Each structure stands twice: as C-alpha cells, then as structure tokens.
Amino acid sequence: MGRKTSKKERIEIAQFCLNHNKDYGLTMEMYKISYQQAWSYTRKYEEKGISGLVDRRGRPKKGE
C-alpha cells in the first residue's frame, strides 16, 4: 500500500532508487511506498527530470 508524498520526497525517492541500481524493493522498504510508486517516480525522473515528478492533479498546494 502506498502513501502520499511531497514533491521533495518524490525527488529523493527517485534519486535513491537510481543510486541503488533501481532496487525497487529496497526503495519500497526505505520510504514505505508501493512498488508502483517507486517504479513510477524513477521512470518519470529519468524521462523528464524534476519537472516529471510534479503532481498536476487538483489544486496545487502552497509552495509547490
């Protein structure tokens, strides 16, 4: 089961996963997120960089 994450957390998660040779299992354990979240954040970060991790759903939070 995943959890909500901030933009800063998503960046940190993607970088951690890439620095550990895309070990999604380790990333899941470290950040208490689902496999899908780990995979998705890493893929988006690789393809679009930080801008790929911005959550565009709903109204934006202050500061994001």
N, C-alpha and C. Protein backbone atom coordinates (compact mmCIF):
# COMPACT_ATOMS: atom_id res chain seq x y z
N MET A 1 0.84 -1.18 0.00
CA MET A 1 0.00 0.00 0.00
C MET A 1 0.88 1.25 0.00
N GLY A 2 0.60 2.17 -0.87
CA GLY A 2 1.39 3.38 -0.96
C GLY A 2 0.90 4.45 0.00
N ARG A 3 1.55 5.57 -0.04
CA ARG A 3 1.17 6.71 0.78
C ARG A 3 1.38 7.99 -0.02
N LYS A 4 0.83 9.09 0.46
CA LYS A 4 1.02 10.36 -0.24
C LYS A 4 2.43 10.85 0.00
N THR A 5 2.99 11.47 -1.04
CA THR A 5 4.35 12.00 -0.94
C THR A 5 4.39 13.42 -1.46
N SER A 6 5.34 14.20 -0.97
CA SER A 6 5.54 15.57 -1.45
C SER A 6 6.50 15.53 -2.64
N LYS A 7 6.58 16.64 -3.34
CA LYS A 7 7.49 16.73 -4.49
C LYS A 7 8.93 16.46 -4.04
N LYS A 8 9.31 17.03 -2.91
CA LYS A 8 10.66 16.85 -2.38
C LYS A 8 10.93 15.37 -2.10
N GLU A 9 9.95 14.68 -1.52
CA GLU A 9 10.10 13.25 -1.24
C GLU A 9 10.22 12.44 -2.52
N ARG A 10 9.42 12.77 -3.54
CA ARG A 10 9.47 12.04 -4.80
C ARG A 10 10.84 12.16 -5.46
N ILE A 11 11.42 13.34 -5.38
CA ILE A 11 12.77 13.55 -5.94
C ILE A 11 13.77 12.68 -5.19
N GLU A 12 13.70 12.72 -3.86
CA GLU A 12 14.60 11.94 -3.02
C GLU A 12 14.45 10.44 -3.30
N ILE A 13 13.22 9.98 -3.44
CA ILE A 13 12.94 8.56 -3.71
C ILE A 13 13.53 8.14 -5.05
N ALA A 14 13.30 8.94 -6.09
CA ALA A 14 13.81 8.60 -7.42
C ALA A 14 15.34 8.57 -7.43
N GLN A 15 15.96 9.55 -6.78
CA GLN A 15 17.42 9.58 -6.74
C GLN A 15 17.98 8.39 -5.95
N PHE A 16 17.34 8.05 -4.84
CA PHE A 16 17.77 6.90 -4.04
C PHE A 16 17.70 5.63 -4.89
N CYS A 17 16.59 5.44 -5.57
CA CYS A 17 16.40 4.24 -6.38
C CYS A 17 17.46 4.14 -7.48
N LEU A 18 17.72 5.23 -8.16
CA LEU A 18 18.73 5.23 -9.22
C LEU A 18 20.13 4.99 -8.66
N ASN A 19 20.41 5.57 -7.49
CA ASN A 19 21.73 5.38 -6.87
C ASN A 19 21.94 3.96 -6.37
N HIS A 20 20.87 3.20 -6.24
CA HIS A 20 20.96 1.81 -5.79
C HIS A 20 20.57 0.85 -6.92
N ASN A 21 20.94 1.21 -8.15
CA ASN A 21 20.73 0.35 -9.32
C ASN A 21 19.28 -0.09 -9.50
N LYS A 22 18.37 0.82 -9.30
CA LYS A 22 16.92 0.57 -9.47
C LYS A 22 16.43 -0.59 -8.61
N ASP A 23 16.88 -0.63 -7.37
CA ASP A 23 16.42 -1.66 -6.43
C ASP A 23 15.09 -1.18 -5.84
N TYR A 24 14.00 -1.51 -6.53
CA TYR A 24 12.68 -1.03 -6.13
C TYR A 24 12.25 -1.62 -4.79
N GLY A 25 12.65 -2.83 -4.50
CA GLY A 25 12.31 -3.47 -3.22
C GLY A 25 12.92 -2.71 -2.05
N LEU A 26 14.18 -2.37 -2.16
CA LEU A 26 14.86 -1.60 -1.11
C LEU A 26 14.22 -0.21 -0.98
N THR A 27 13.91 0.40 -2.10
CA THR A 27 13.28 1.72 -2.09
C THR A 27 11.92 1.66 -1.41
N MET A 28 11.16 0.61 -1.68
CA MET A 28 9.86 0.43 -1.04
C MET A 28 10.00 0.36 0.48
N GLU A 29 10.96 -0.42 0.93
CA GLU A 29 11.17 -0.58 2.38
C GLU A 29 11.64 0.71 3.03
N MET A 30 12.57 1.40 2.39
CA MET A 30 13.14 2.61 2.97
C MET A 30 12.12 3.73 3.12
N TYR A 31 11.26 3.88 2.12
CA TYR A 31 10.34 5.02 2.09
C TYR A 31 8.89 4.66 2.36
N LYS A 32 8.62 3.39 2.64
CA LYS A 32 7.25 2.93 2.93
C LYS A 32 6.27 3.32 1.84
N ILE A 33 6.64 2.99 0.60
CA ILE A 33 5.79 3.26 -0.56
C ILE A 33 5.55 1.95 -1.30
N SER A 34 4.65 1.98 -2.27
CA SER A 34 4.37 0.78 -3.06
C SER A 34 5.40 0.62 -4.17
N TYR A 35 5.45 -0.59 -4.72
CA TYR A 35 6.34 -0.87 -5.85
C TYR A 35 5.99 0.06 -7.01
N GLN A 36 4.69 0.24 -7.26
CA GLN A 36 4.24 1.08 -8.37
C GLN A 36 4.74 2.51 -8.21
N GLN A 37 4.68 3.04 -6.99
CA GLN A 37 5.16 4.40 -6.76
C GLN A 37 6.66 4.49 -7.02
N ALA A 38 7.43 3.54 -6.50
CA ALA A 38 8.88 3.55 -6.69
C ALA A 38 9.22 3.49 -8.18
N TRP A 39 8.56 2.61 -8.89
CA TRP A 39 8.82 2.46 -10.32
C TRP A 39 8.42 3.72 -11.08
N SER A 40 7.24 4.24 -10.78
CA SER A 40 6.71 5.40 -11.48
C SER A 40 7.58 6.65 -11.26
N TYR A 41 7.95 6.92 -10.02
CA TYR A 41 8.77 8.10 -9.72
C TYR A 41 10.12 8.01 -10.42
N THR A 42 10.70 6.81 -10.41
CA THR A 42 12.01 6.62 -11.03
C THR A 42 11.93 6.81 -12.54
N ARG A 43 10.90 6.23 -13.16
CA ARG A 43 10.72 6.36 -14.61
C ARG A 43 10.50 7.82 -15.01
N LYS A 44 9.62 8.50 -14.29
CA LYS A 44 9.33 9.91 -14.61
C LYS A 44 10.57 10.77 -14.43
N TYR A 45 11.34 10.52 -13.37
CA TYR A 45 12.55 11.29 -13.11
C TYR A 45 13.58 11.07 -14.22
N GLU A 46 13.71 9.85 -14.70
CA GLU A 46 14.65 9.55 -15.79
C GLU A 46 14.22 10.24 -17.08
N GLU A 47 12.93 10.24 -17.36
CA GLU A 47 12.43 10.79 -18.62
C GLU A 47 12.37 12.31 -18.65
N LYS A 48 11.91 12.93 -17.54
CA LYS A 48 11.64 14.37 -17.56
C LYS A 48 12.36 15.15 -16.47
N GLY A 49 13.13 14.48 -15.64
CA GLY A 49 13.82 15.17 -14.56
C GLY A 49 12.84 15.56 -13.46
N ILE A 50 13.20 16.58 -12.71
CA ILE A 50 12.38 17.02 -11.59
C ILE A 50 10.98 17.43 -12.03
N SER A 51 10.86 18.05 -13.19
CA SER A 51 9.54 18.51 -13.65
C SER A 51 8.58 17.33 -13.88
N GLY A 52 9.09 16.14 -14.10
CA GLY A 52 8.25 14.97 -14.29
C GLY A 52 7.59 14.48 -13.01
N LEU A 53 8.09 14.95 -11.86
CA LEU A 53 7.57 14.49 -10.58
C LEU A 53 6.55 15.45 -9.96
N VAL A 54 6.18 16.48 -10.69
CA VAL A 54 5.19 17.42 -10.19
C VAL A 54 3.80 16.80 -10.31
N ASP A 55 3.05 16.84 -9.21
CA ASP A 55 1.69 16.31 -9.20
C ASP A 55 0.76 17.38 -9.76
N ARG A 56 0.17 17.10 -10.91
CA ARG A 56 -0.68 18.08 -11.58
C ARG A 56 -2.17 17.86 -11.32
N ARG A 57 -2.50 16.97 -10.39
CA ARG A 57 -3.90 16.70 -10.10
C ARG A 57 -4.45 17.74 -9.14
N GLY A 58 -5.69 18.14 -9.33
CA GLY A 58 -6.36 19.03 -8.40
C GLY A 58 -5.73 20.40 -8.28
N ARG A 59 -6.00 21.04 -7.17
CA ARG A 59 -5.45 22.36 -6.92
C ARG A 59 -4.05 22.24 -6.35
N PRO A 60 -3.12 23.08 -6.78
CA PRO A 60 -1.77 22.99 -6.25
C PRO A 60 -1.68 23.46 -4.80
N LYS A 61 -0.80 22.83 -4.04
CA LYS A 61 -0.56 23.24 -2.66
C LYS A 61 0.30 24.49 -2.66
N LYS A 62 0.22 25.27 -1.62
CA LYS A 62 1.08 26.43 -1.50
C LYS A 62 2.52 25.96 -1.42
N GLY A 63 3.39 26.58 -2.19
CA GLY A 63 4.81 26.23 -2.16
C GLY A 63 5.21 25.16 -3.16
N GLU A 64 4.29 24.60 -3.91
CA GLU A 64 4.66 23.59 -4.92
C GLU A 64 4.32 24.08 -6.29
